[in-house]
All heavy atoms as atom14 arrays in JSON, in Angstrom:
{
  "sequence": "QGLELAASGQITDNWAATAGYTIQHAYVEEGDAVTNDGSSD",
  "atom14_mask": [
    [1, 1, 1, 1, 1, 1, 1, 1, 1, 0, 0, 0, 0, 0],
    [1, 1, 1, 1, 0, 0, 0, 0, 0, 0, 0, 0, 0, 0],
    [1, 1, 1, 1, 1, 1, 1, 1, 0, 0, 0, 0, 0, 0],
    [1, 1, 1, 1, 1, 1, 1, 1, 1, 0, 0, 0, 0, 0],
    [1, 1, 1, 1, 1, 1, 1, 1, 0, 0, 0, 0, 0, 0],
    [1, 1, 1, 1, 1, 0, 0, 0, 0, 0, 0, 0, 0, 0],
    [1, 1, 1, 1, 1, 0, 0, 0, 0, 0, 0, 0, 0, 0],
    [1, 1, 1, 1, 1, 1, 0, 0, 0, 0, 0, 0, 0, 0],
    [1, 1, 1, 1, 0, 0, 0, 0, 0, 0, 0, 0, 0, 0],
    [1, 1, 1, 1, 1, 1, 1, 1, 1, 0, 0, 0, 0, 0],
    [1, 1, 1, 1, 1, 1, 1, 1, 0, 0, 0, 0, 0, 0],
    [1, 1, 1, 1, 1, 1, 1, 0, 0, 0, 0, 0, 0, 0],
    [1, 1, 1, 1, 1, 1, 1, 1, 0, 0, 0, 0, 0, 0],
    [1, 1, 1, 1, 1, 1, 1, 1, 0, 0, 0, 0, 0, 0],
    [1, 1, 1, 1, 1, 1, 1, 1, 1, 1, 1, 1, 1, 1],
    [1, 1, 1, 1, 1, 0, 0, 0, 0, 0, 0, 0, 0, 0],
    [1, 1, 1, 1, 1, 0, 0, 0, 0, 0, 0, 0, 0, 0],
    [1, 1, 1, 1, 1, 1, 1, 0, 0, 0, 0, 0, 0, 0],
    [1, 1, 1, 1, 1, 0, 0, 0, 0, 0, 0, 0, 0, 0],
    [1, 1, 1, 1, 0, 0, 0, 0, 0, 0, 0, 0, 0, 0],
    [1, 1, 1, 1, 1, 1, 1, 1, 1, 1, 1, 1, 0, 0],
    [1, 1, 1, 1, 1, 1, 1, 0, 0, 0, 0, 0, 0, 0],
    [1, 1, 1, 1, 1, 1, 1, 1, 0, 0, 0, 0, 0, 0],
    [1, 1, 1, 1, 1, 1, 1, 1, 1, 0, 0, 0, 0, 0],
    [1, 1, 1, 1, 1, 1, 1, 1, 1, 1, 0, 0, 0, 0],
    [1, 1, 1, 1, 1, 0, 0, 0, 0, 0, 0, 0, 0, 0],
    [1, 1, 1, 1, 1, 1, 1, 1, 1, 1, 1, 1, 0, 0],
    [1, 1, 1, 1, 1, 1, 1, 0, 0, 0, 0, 0, 0, 0],
    [1, 1, 1, 1, 1, 1, 1, 1, 1, 0, 0, 0, 0, 0],
    [1, 1, 1, 1, 1, 1, 1, 1, 1, 0, 0, 0, 0, 0],
    [1, 1, 1, 1, 0, 0, 0, 0, 0, 0, 0, 0, 0, 0],
    [1, 1, 1, 1, 1, 1, 1, 1, 0, 0, 0, 0, 0, 0],
    [1, 1, 1, 1, 1, 0, 0, 0, 0, 0, 0, 0, 0, 0],
    [1, 1, 1, 1, 1, 1, 1, 0, 0, 0, 0, 0, 0, 0],
    [1, 1, 1, 1, 1, 1, 1, 0, 0, 0, 0, 0, 0, 0],
    [1, 1, 1, 1, 1, 1, 1, 1, 0, 0, 0, 0, 0, 0],
    [1, 1, 1, 1, 1, 1, 1, 1, 0, 0, 0, 0, 0, 0],
    [1, 1, 1, 1, 0, 0, 0, 0, 0, 0, 0, 0, 0, 0],
    [1, 1, 1, 1, 1, 1, 0, 0, 0, 0, 0, 0, 0, 0],
    [1, 1, 1, 1, 1, 1, 0, 0, 0, 0, 0, 0, 0, 0],
    [1, 1, 1, 1, 1, 1, 1, 1, 0, 0, 0, 0, 0, 0]
  ],
  "atom14_positions": [
    [[15.13, 0.67, 18.9], [14.95, 1.77, 17.96], [14.91, 1.24, 16.54], [15.51, 0.21, 16.24], [16.07, 2.81, 18.12], [17.45, 2.27, 17.88], [18.53, 3.3, 18.21], [18.27, 4.34, 18.8], [19.76, 3.02, 17.81], [0.0, 0.0, 0.0], [0.0, 0.0, 0.0], [0.0, 0.0, 0.0], [0.0, 0.0, 0.0], [0.0, 0.0, 0.0]],
    [[14.16, 1.93, 15.68], [14.06, 1.43, 14.32], [13.19, 2.28, 13.43], [12.85, 3.43, 13.75], [0.0, 0.0, 0.0], [0.0, 0.0, 0.0], [0.0, 0.0, 0.0], [0.0, 0.0, 0.0], [0.0, 0.0, 0.0], [0.0, 0.0, 0.0], [0.0, 0.0, 0.0], [0.0, 0.0, 0.0], [0.0, 0.0, 0.0], [0.0, 0.0, 0.0]],
    [[12.82, 1.69, 12.31], [12.06, 2.35, 11.25], [10.91, 1.46, 10.85], [11.08, 0.24, 10.7], [12.96, 2.62, 10.05], [12.27, 3.05, 8.75], [11.67, 4.45, 8.89], [13.27, 3.01, 7.58], [0.0, 0.0, 0.0], [0.0, 0.0, 0.0], [0.0, 0.0, 0.0], [0.0, 0.0, 0.0], [0.0, 0.0, 0.0], [0.0, 0.0, 0.0]],
    [[9.73, 2.07, 10.66], [8.55, 1.33, 10.22], [7.98, 2.0, 8.98], [7.76, 3.22, 8.96], [7.51, 1.29, 11.33], [6.28, 0.47, 10.98], [5.29, 0.4, 12.13], [4.86, 1.48, 12.58], [4.98, -0.72, 12.59], [0.0, 0.0, 0.0], [0.0, 0.0, 0.0], [0.0, 0.0, 0.0], [0.0, 0.0, 0.0], [0.0, 0.0, 0.0]],
    [[7.72, 1.19, 7.94], [7.14, 1.67, 6.69], [5.84, 0.92, 6.44], [5.76, -0.29, 6.71], [8.09, 1.45, 5.51], [9.49, 2.08, 5.63], [10.36, 1.64, 4.46], [9.4, 3.6, 5.69], [0.0, 0.0, 0.0], [0.0, 0.0, 0.0], [0.0, 0.0, 0.0], [0.0, 0.0, 0.0], [0.0, 0.0, 0.0], [0.0, 0.0, 0.0]],
    [[4.83, 1.6, 5.9], [3.55, 0.93, 5.66], [2.83, 1.58, 4.49], [3.02, 2.77, 4.2], [2.68, 0.97, 6.91], [0.0, 0.0, 0.0], [0.0, 0.0, 0.0], [0.0, 0.0, 0.0], [0.0, 0.0, 0.0], [0.0, 0.0, 0.0], [0.0, 0.0, 0.0], [0.0, 0.0, 0.0], [0.0, 0.0, 0.0], [0.0, 0.0, 0.0]],
    [[1.99, 0.8, 3.82], [1.15, 1.29, 2.73], [-0.13, 0.47, 2.72], [-0.1, -0.74, 2.95], [1.86, 1.17, 1.38], [0.0, 0.0, 0.0], [0.0, 0.0, 0.0], [0.0, 0.0, 0.0], [0.0, 0.0, 0.0], [0.0, 0.0, 0.0], [0.0, 0.0, 0.0], [0.0, 0.0, 0.0], [0.0, 0.0, 0.0], [0.0, 0.0, 0.0]],
    [[-1.26, 1.14, 2.46], [-2.53, 0.43, 2.47], [-3.54, 1.2, 1.63], [-3.69, 2.41, 1.79], [-3.06, 0.28, 3.9], [-4.31, -0.35, 3.92], [0.0, 0.0, 0.0], [0.0, 0.0, 0.0], [0.0, 0.0, 0.0], [0.0, 0.0, 0.0], [0.0, 0.0, 0.0], [0.0, 0.0, 0.0], [0.0, 0.0, 0.0], [0.0, 0.0, 0.0]],
    [[-4.24, 0.45, 0.73], [-5.28, 1.1, -0.06], [-5.29, 0.63, -1.5], [-4.82, -0.46, -1.83], [0.0, 0.0, 0.0], [0.0, 0.0, 0.0], [0.0, 0.0, 0.0], [0.0, 0.0, 0.0], [0.0, 0.0, 0.0], [0.0, 0.0, 0.0], [0.0, 0.0, 0.0], [0.0, 0.0, 0.0], [0.0, 0.0, 0.0], [0.0, 0.0, 0.0]],
    [[-5.82, 1.48, -2.37], [-5.98, 1.17, -3.79], [-4.85, 1.81, -4.59], [-4.67, 3.03, -4.55], [-7.32, 1.7, -4.29], [-8.54, 1.07, -3.66], [-8.78, -0.35, -4.14], [-9.09, -1.23, -3.35], [-8.64, -0.59, -5.44], [0.0, 0.0, 0.0], [0.0, 0.0, 0.0], [0.0, 0.0, 0.0], [0.0, 0.0, 0.0], [0.0, 0.0, 0.0]],
    [[-4.14, 0.99, -5.35], [-3.13, 1.52, -6.26], [-3.8, 1.96, -7.56], [-3.48, 2.99, -8.14], [-2.03, 0.47, -6.51], [-1.35, 0.12, -5.18], [-1.01, 0.99, -7.52], [-0.34, -0.97, -5.28], [0.0, 0.0, 0.0], [0.0, 0.0, 0.0], [0.0, 0.0, 0.0], [0.0, 0.0, 0.0], [0.0, 0.0, 0.0], [0.0, 0.0, 0.0]],
    [[-4.73, 1.14, -8.04], [-5.62, 1.48, -9.15], [-7.03, 1.08, -8.73], [-7.25, 0.55, -7.65], [-5.22, 0.76, -10.45], [-5.46, -0.65, -10.3], [-3.75, 0.99, -10.78], [0.0, 0.0, 0.0], [0.0, 0.0, 0.0], [0.0, 0.0, 0.0], [0.0, 0.0, 0.0], [0.0, 0.0, 0.0], [0.0, 0.0, 0.0], [0.0, 0.0, 0.0]],
    [[-7.99, 1.31, -9.62], [-9.36, 0.94, -9.29], [-9.5, -0.57, -9.06], [-10.36, -1.0, -8.28], [-10.3, 1.37, -10.42], [-10.47, 2.88, -10.5], [-10.18, 3.54, -9.47], [-10.86, 3.4, -11.56], [0.0, 0.0, 0.0], [0.0, 0.0, 0.0], [0.0, 0.0, 0.0], [0.0, 0.0, 0.0], [0.0, 0.0, 0.0], [0.0, 0.0, 0.0]],
    [[-8.69, -1.37, -9.71], [-8.78, -2.83, -9.6], [-7.71, -3.45, -8.71], [-7.82, -4.63, -8.35], [-8.71, -3.48, -11.0], [-9.88, -3.1, -11.88], [-11.01, -3.0, -11.41], [-9.6, -2.88, -13.17], [0.0, 0.0, 0.0], [0.0, 0.0, 0.0], [0.0, 0.0, 0.0], [0.0, 0.0, 0.0], [0.0, 0.0, 0.0], [0.0, 0.0, 0.0]],
    [[-6.7, -2.69, -8.37], [-5.54, -3.25, -7.66], [-5.44, -2.65, -6.27], [-5.28, -1.45, -6.1], [-4.27, -2.97, -8.47], [-3.03, -3.56, -7.89], [-2.92, -4.53, -6.94], [-1.69, -3.19, -8.23], [-1.61, -4.81, -6.67], [-0.83, -4.01, -7.45], [-1.14, -2.27, -9.12], [0.56, -3.89, -7.54], [0.24, -2.16, -9.22], [1.08, -2.98, -8.43]],
    [[-5.54, -3.5, -5.23], [-5.42, -3.09, -3.84], [-4.23, -3.79, -3.19], [-3.88, -4.92, -3.57], [-6.7, -3.41, -3.06], [0.0, 0.0, 0.0], [0.0, 0.0, 0.0], [0.0, 0.0, 0.0], [0.0, 0.0, 0.0], [0.0, 0.0, 0.0], [0.0, 0.0, 0.0], [0.0, 0.0, 0.0], [0.0, 0.0, 0.0], [0.0, 0.0, 0.0]],
    [[-3.63, -3.12, -2.23], [-2.46, -3.71, -1.57], [-2.32, -3.19, -0.15], [-2.71, -2.07, 0.16], [-1.18, -3.42, -2.37], [0.0, 0.0, 0.0], [0.0, 0.0, 0.0], [0.0, 0.0, 0.0], [0.0, 0.0, 0.0], [0.0, 0.0, 0.0], [0.0, 0.0, 0.0], [0.0, 0.0, 0.0], [0.0, 0.0, 0.0], [0.0, 0.0, 0.0]],
    [[-1.73, -4.03, 0.71], [-1.35, -3.66, 2.06], [0.04, -4.21, 2.32], [0.3, -5.41, 2.07], [-2.33, -4.24, 3.1], [-3.64, -3.74, 2.85], [-1.91, -3.86, 4.51], [0.0, 0.0, 0.0], [0.0, 0.0, 0.0], [0.0, 0.0, 0.0], [0.0, 0.0, 0.0], [0.0, 0.0, 0.0], [0.0, 0.0, 0.0], [0.0, 0.0, 0.0]],
    [[0.94, -3.36, 2.79], [2.31, -3.81, 3.02], [2.88, -3.1, 4.24], [2.5, -1.97, 4.55], [3.19, -3.53, 1.79], [0.0, 0.0, 0.0], [0.0, 0.0, 0.0], [0.0, 0.0, 0.0], [0.0, 0.0, 0.0], [0.0, 0.0, 0.0], [0.0, 0.0, 0.0], [0.0, 0.0, 0.0], [0.0, 0.0, 0.0], [0.0, 0.0, 0.0]],
    [[3.79, -3.79, 4.9], [4.45, -3.2, 6.05], [5.83, -3.8, 6.25], [6.04, -4.99, 6.01], [0.0, 0.0, 0.0], [0.0, 0.0, 0.0], [0.0, 0.0, 0.0], [0.0, 0.0, 0.0], [0.0, 0.0, 0.0], [0.0, 0.0, 0.0], [0.0, 0.0, 0.0], [0.0, 0.0, 0.0], [0.0, 0.0, 0.0], [0.0, 0.0, 0.0]],
    [[6.76, -2.97, 6.67], [8.14, -3.43, 6.92], [8.68, -2.71, 8.16], [8.5, -1.5, 8.31], [9.04, -3.13, 5.73], [10.51, -3.35, 6.01], [11.01, -4.64, 6.2], [11.38, -2.27, 6.12], [12.35, -4.84, 6.48], [12.73, -2.47, 6.39], [13.21, -3.76, 6.58], [14.54, -3.95, 6.85], [0.0, 0.0, 0.0], [0.0, 0.0, 0.0]],
    [[9.33, -3.48, 9.02], [9.94, -2.92, 10.22], [11.36, -3.42, 10.36], [11.61, -4.63, 10.23], [9.14, -3.32, 11.49], [7.81, -2.86, 11.38], [9.79, -2.73, 12.73], [0.0, 0.0, 0.0], [0.0, 0.0, 0.0], [0.0, 0.0, 0.0], [0.0, 0.0, 0.0], [0.0, 0.0, 0.0], [0.0, 0.0, 0.0], [0.0, 0.0, 0.0]],
    [[12.26, -2.51, 10.61], [13.63, -2.87, 10.97], [13.9, -2.23, 12.33], [13.61, -1.05, 12.53], [14.67, -2.4, 9.92], [16.09, -2.76, 10.4], [14.53, -0.92, 9.6], [17.16, -2.5, 9.34], [0.0, 0.0, 0.0], [0.0, 0.0, 0.0], [0.0, 0.0, 0.0], [0.0, 0.0, 0.0], [0.0, 0.0, 0.0], [0.0, 0.0, 0.0]],
    [[14.4, -3.03, 13.27], [14.64, -2.51, 14.61], [15.91, -3.1, 15.19], [16.26, -4.25, 14.92], [13.45, -2.82, 15.52], [13.15, -4.29, 15.68], [11.91, -4.54, 16.53], [11.32, -3.64, 17.11], [11.51, -5.8, 16.63], [0.0, 0.0, 0.0], [0.0, 0.0, 0.0], [0.0, 0.0, 0.0], [0.0, 0.0, 0.0], [0.0, 0.0, 0.0]],
    [[16.57, -2.29, 15.98], [17.76, -2.73, 16.72], [17.39, -2.73, 18.19], [17.16, -1.66, 18.77], [18.93, -1.81, 16.43], [20.21, -2.28, 17.05], [21.31, -1.46, 17.25], [20.57, -3.5, 17.53], [22.27, -2.15, 17.82], [21.86, -3.38, 18.01], [0.0, 0.0, 0.0], [0.0, 0.0, 0.0], [0.0, 0.0, 0.0], [0.0, 0.0, 0.0]],
    [[17.28, -3.9, 18.78], [16.89, -4.03, 20.18], [18.08, -4.61, 20.95], [18.53, -5.72, 20.65], [15.68, -4.95, 20.31], [0.0, 0.0, 0.0], [0.0, 0.0, 0.0], [0.0, 0.0, 0.0], [0.0, 0.0, 0.0], [0.0, 0.0, 0.0], [0.0, 0.0, 0.0], [0.0, 0.0, 0.0], [0.0, 0.0, 0.0], [0.0, 0.0, 0.0]],
    [[18.57, -3.88, 21.95], [19.79, -4.32, 22.62], [19.84, -3.83, 24.07], [19.1, -2.93, 24.48], [21.02, -3.82, 21.86], [21.12, -2.32, 21.75], [21.92, -1.59, 22.63], [20.43, -1.63, 20.76], [22.03, -0.22, 22.53], [20.54, -0.25, 20.65], [21.33, 0.45, 21.54], [21.43, 1.82, 21.43], [0.0, 0.0, 0.0], [0.0, 0.0, 0.0]],
    [[20.74, -4.45, 24.81], [21.02, -4.07, 26.18], [22.04, -2.94, 26.16], [23.16, -3.12, 25.68], [21.55, -5.26, 27.01], [21.92, -4.8, 28.41], [20.53, -6.37, 27.05], [0.0, 0.0, 0.0], [0.0, 0.0, 0.0], [0.0, 0.0, 0.0], [0.0, 0.0, 0.0], [0.0, 0.0, 0.0], [0.0, 0.0, 0.0], [0.0, 0.0, 0.0]],
    [[21.65, -1.79, 26.67], [22.56, -0.64, 26.68], [23.51, -0.71, 27.87], [24.7, -0.4, 27.75], [21.73, 0.64, 26.73], [22.52, 1.89, 26.44], [21.63, 3.11, 26.3], [20.47, 3.05, 26.75], [22.1, 4.12, 25.76], [0.0, 0.0, 0.0], [0.0, 0.0, 0.0], [0.0, 0.0, 0.0], [0.0, 0.0, 0.0], [0.0, 0.0, 0.0]],
    [[22.99, -1.11, 29.03], [23.81, -1.32, 30.21], [23.27, -2.54, 30.95], [22.06, -2.69, 31.11], [23.76, -0.1, 31.14], [24.42, 1.14, 30.59], [24.42, 2.29, 31.58], [24.3, 2.01, 32.79], [24.53, 3.45, 31.15], [0.0, 0.0, 0.0], [0.0, 0.0, 0.0], [0.0, 0.0, 0.0], [0.0, 0.0, 0.0], [0.0, 0.0, 0.0]],
    [[24.18, -3.39, 31.39], [23.76, -4.59, 32.11], [24.24, -5.86, 31.43], [24.95, -5.84, 30.42], [0.0, 0.0, 0.0], [0.0, 0.0, 0.0], [0.0, 0.0, 0.0], [0.0, 0.0, 0.0], [0.0, 0.0, 0.0], [0.0, 0.0, 0.0], [0.0, 0.0, 0.0], [0.0, 0.0, 0.0], [0.0, 0.0, 0.0], [0.0, 0.0, 0.0]],
    [[23.83, -6.98, 31.99], [24.27, -8.27, 31.49], [23.61, -8.62, 30.16], [22.47, -8.23, 29.89], [23.94, -9.37, 32.51], [24.68, -9.17, 33.83], [25.78, -8.58, 33.81], [24.14, -9.59, 34.87], [0.0, 0.0, 0.0], [0.0, 0.0, 0.0], [0.0, 0.0, 0.0], [0.0, 0.0, 0.0], [0.0, 0.0, 0.0], [0.0, 0.0, 0.0]],
    [[24.33, -9.37, 29.33], [23.78, -9.88, 28.07], [22.63, -10.84, 28.38], [22.68, -11.59, 29.36], [24.86, -10.58, 27.26], [0.0, 0.0, 0.0], [0.0, 0.0, 0.0], [0.0, 0.0, 0.0], [0.0, 0.0, 0.0], [0.0, 0.0, 0.0], [0.0, 0.0, 0.0], [0.0, 0.0, 0.0], [0.0, 0.0, 0.0], [0.0, 0.0, 0.0]],
    [[21.61, -10.81, 27.54], [20.42, -11.64, 27.81], [20.21, -12.7, 26.73], [19.28, -13.48, 26.82], [19.16, -10.77, 27.93], [19.24, -9.87, 29.14], [18.94, -9.94, 26.66], [0.0, 0.0, 0.0], [0.0, 0.0, 0.0], [0.0, 0.0, 0.0], [0.0, 0.0, 0.0], [0.0, 0.0, 0.0], [0.0, 0.0, 0.0], [0.0, 0.0, 0.0]],
    [[21.08, -12.75, 25.71], [20.95, -13.77, 24.67], [21.98, -14.87, 24.87], [23.05, -14.66, 25.44], [21.12, -13.17, 23.27], [22.35, -12.44, 23.21], [19.97, -12.23, 22.94], [0.0, 0.0, 0.0], [0.0, 0.0, 0.0], [0.0, 0.0, 0.0], [0.0, 0.0, 0.0], [0.0, 0.0, 0.0], [0.0, 0.0, 0.0], [0.0, 0.0, 0.0]],
    [[21.66, -16.05, 24.35], [22.5, -17.22, 24.53], [23.87, -17.06, 23.87], [24.85, -17.64, 24.32], [21.79, -18.46, 23.98], [22.53, -19.74, 24.28], [22.73, -20.1, 25.43], [22.96, -20.43, 23.23], [0.0, 0.0, 0.0], [0.0, 0.0, 0.0], [0.0, 0.0, 0.0], [0.0, 0.0, 0.0], [0.0, 0.0, 0.0], [0.0, 0.0, 0.0]],
    [[23.94, -16.28, 22.78], [25.23, -16.12, 22.08], [26.13, -15.08, 22.73], [27.23, -14.81, 22.24], [24.99, -15.77, 20.61], [24.26, -14.44, 20.42], [23.99, -13.77, 21.43], [23.97, -14.08, 19.27], [0.0, 0.0, 0.0], [0.0, 0.0, 0.0], [0.0, 0.0, 0.0], [0.0, 0.0, 0.0], [0.0, 0.0, 0.0], [0.0, 0.0, 0.0]],
    [[25.68, -14.47, 23.84], [26.51, -13.51, 24.56], [26.52, -12.11, 23.99], [27.22, -11.24, 24.51], [0.0, 0.0, 0.0], [0.0, 0.0, 0.0], [0.0, 0.0, 0.0], [0.0, 0.0, 0.0], [0.0, 0.0, 0.0], [0.0, 0.0, 0.0], [0.0, 0.0, 0.0], [0.0, 0.0, 0.0], [0.0, 0.0, 0.0], [0.0, 0.0, 0.0]],
    [[25.74, -11.85, 22.94], [25.69, -10.52, 22.36], [24.8, -9.62, 23.19], [24.1, -10.06, 24.11], [25.16, -10.59, 20.92], [23.79, -10.93, 20.91], [0.0, 0.0, 0.0], [0.0, 0.0, 0.0], [0.0, 0.0, 0.0], [0.0, 0.0, 0.0], [0.0, 0.0, 0.0], [0.0, 0.0, 0.0], [0.0, 0.0, 0.0], [0.0, 0.0, 0.0]],
    [[24.76, -8.33, 22.85], [23.93, -7.38, 23.58], [22.51, -7.31, 23.02], [21.69, -6.54, 23.52], [24.57, -5.98, 23.53], [24.67, -5.53, 22.18], [0.0, 0.0, 0.0], [0.0, 0.0, 0.0], [0.0, 0.0, 0.0], [0.0, 0.0, 0.0], [0.0, 0.0, 0.0], [0.0, 0.0, 0.0], [0.0, 0.0, 0.0], [0.0, 0.0, 0.0]],
    [[22.22, -8.08, 21.97], [20.88, -8.06, 21.38], [19.84, -8.6, 22.37], [20.15, -9.44, 23.23], [20.84, -8.91, 20.11], [21.72, -8.34, 19.01], [21.96, -7.12, 19.03], [22.16, -9.11, 18.13], [0.0, 0.0, 0.0], [0.0, 0.0, 0.0], [0.0, 0.0, 0.0], [0.0, 0.0, 0.0], [0.0, 0.0, 0.0], [0.0, 0.0, 0.0]]
  ]
}
């Protein structure tokens, strides 16, 4: 689960930009840990 933000296009007639940011929490809700450090990630 997480959040995704994005922007794309012209800010001014001469200035164009494309940007994207994603933050996500990915984890094991039930079951064995799958990462080497033993966490639920």
